[in-house]
Each structure stands twice: as C-alpha cells, then as structure tokens.
Amino acid sequence: MNTLPSNGQSAHSVGPTRPPPLVPPHVAWPLFVVLLLAMSVGAALFTAYMANSDGGVQLVEGSDYSPDDDQ
C-alpha cells in the first residue's frame, strides 16, 4: 500500500513550511540549562550579600532584651 501523496512529496512535507530555528536545538537546550543554573547561583549570591550587608542584629537601648539588665 502506497501512503505517499500523489505529487511525489513525502508525507512529512505536506503543509506550510517554516524557517529553520535561529539557534539549533542541540545548542539552545544546554545554553538554557546553563542560564537557569547561573540565575539560581546569582540569586543565591545576591541573597547572601544582602543578608550580610545590613550590619546584623541591632539592639535597642531600653528594650526588654537589653544585655545591661541584671537578672
């Protein structure tokens, strides 16, 4: 049984054609994975930097948690 169209084209070439991708998939997927990894590492480094840049815990004078109070 012949399944080819009558015009001689293969069955996969029927329909509108589309242009080839700008970046081949075998290059784009690894770059996408590396981009996700770099974004997560950058977010972690940014979070650690911002957590250490505020000067740490600040004590308020006269509060209930002041270290000057003798118990």
Protein backbone atom coordinates (compact mmCIF):
# COMPACT_ATOMS: atom_id res chain seq x y z
CA MET A 1 0.00 0.00 0.00
CA ASN A 2 1.45 3.37 -1.07
CA THR A 3 1.00 6.16 1.52
CA LEU A 4 2.82 8.93 -0.37
CA PRO A 5 0.83 11.87 -1.72
CA SER A 6 0.17 11.90 -5.43
CA ASN A 7 2.53 14.86 -6.04
CA GLY A 8 5.62 12.81 -5.05
CA GLN A 9 6.44 14.64 -1.80
CA SER A 10 6.94 12.77 1.42
CA ALA A 11 4.11 12.64 3.93
CA HIS A 12 6.08 14.87 6.36
CA SER A 13 6.46 17.76 3.93
CA VAL A 14 2.74 18.31 3.45
CA GLY A 15 1.56 21.66 4.80
CA PRO A 16 3.18 25.05 5.28
CA THR A 17 6.92 25.16 5.68
CA ARG A 18 8.57 27.08 8.48
CA PRO A 19 12.02 28.68 8.61
CA PRO A 20 14.81 26.89 10.43
CA PRO A 21 15.43 27.94 14.06
CA LEU A 22 17.91 30.74 14.75
CA VAL A 23 19.82 28.54 17.21
CA PRO A 24 19.86 24.77 16.68
CA PRO A 25 18.14 22.81 19.47
CA HIS A 26 21.28 20.83 20.32
CA VAL A 27 22.92 24.18 21.21
CA ALA A 28 19.92 26.01 22.67
CA TRP A 29 18.93 23.43 25.32
CA PRO A 30 22.35 23.26 27.02
CA LEU A 31 22.55 27.07 26.98
CA PHE A 32 19.09 27.22 28.54
CA VAL A 33 20.17 24.85 31.33
CA VAL A 34 23.36 26.85 31.96
CA LEU A 35 21.31 30.07 32.03
CA LEU A 36 18.97 28.61 34.65
CA LEU A 37 21.94 27.46 36.73
CA ALA A 38 23.61 30.89 36.50
CA MET A 39 20.38 32.63 37.51
CA SER A 40 19.95 30.43 40.58
CA VAL A 41 23.59 30.87 41.65
CA GLY A 42 23.28 34.64 41.10
CA ALA A 43 20.09 34.79 43.17
CA ALA A 44 21.76 32.83 45.99
CA LEU A 45 24.83 35.08 45.97
CA PHE A 46 22.66 38.21 45.91
CA THR A 47 20.61 36.90 48.84
CA ALA A 48 23.73 36.08 50.87
CA TYR A 49 25.23 39.50 50.13
CA MET A 50 22.05 41.36 51.11
CA ALA A 51 21.72 39.27 54.29
CA ASN A 52 25.23 40.26 55.38
CA SER A 53 25.17 43.90 54.30
CA ASP A 54 22.73 45.29 56.87
CA GLY A 55 25.08 45.14 59.87
CA GLY A 56 23.44 42.22 61.63
CA VAL A 57 21.25 42.25 64.70
CA GLN A 58 20.77 45.68 66.29
CA LEU A 59 19.90 46.05 69.98
CA VAL A 60 17.59 48.84 71.02
CA GLU A 61 18.50 50.63 74.27
CA GLY A 62 15.92 50.26 77.00
CA SER A 63 14.20 47.26 75.45
CA ASP A 64 13.24 44.13 77.37
CA TYR A 65 16.09 42.28 75.64
CA SER A 66 18.90 44.68 76.55
CA PRO A 67 22.06 42.86 77.76
CA ASP A 68 22.56 45.51 80.51
CA ASP A 69 19.67 44.17 82.59
CA ASP A 70 20.80 42.08 85.58
CA GLN A 71 18.54 39.20 86.33
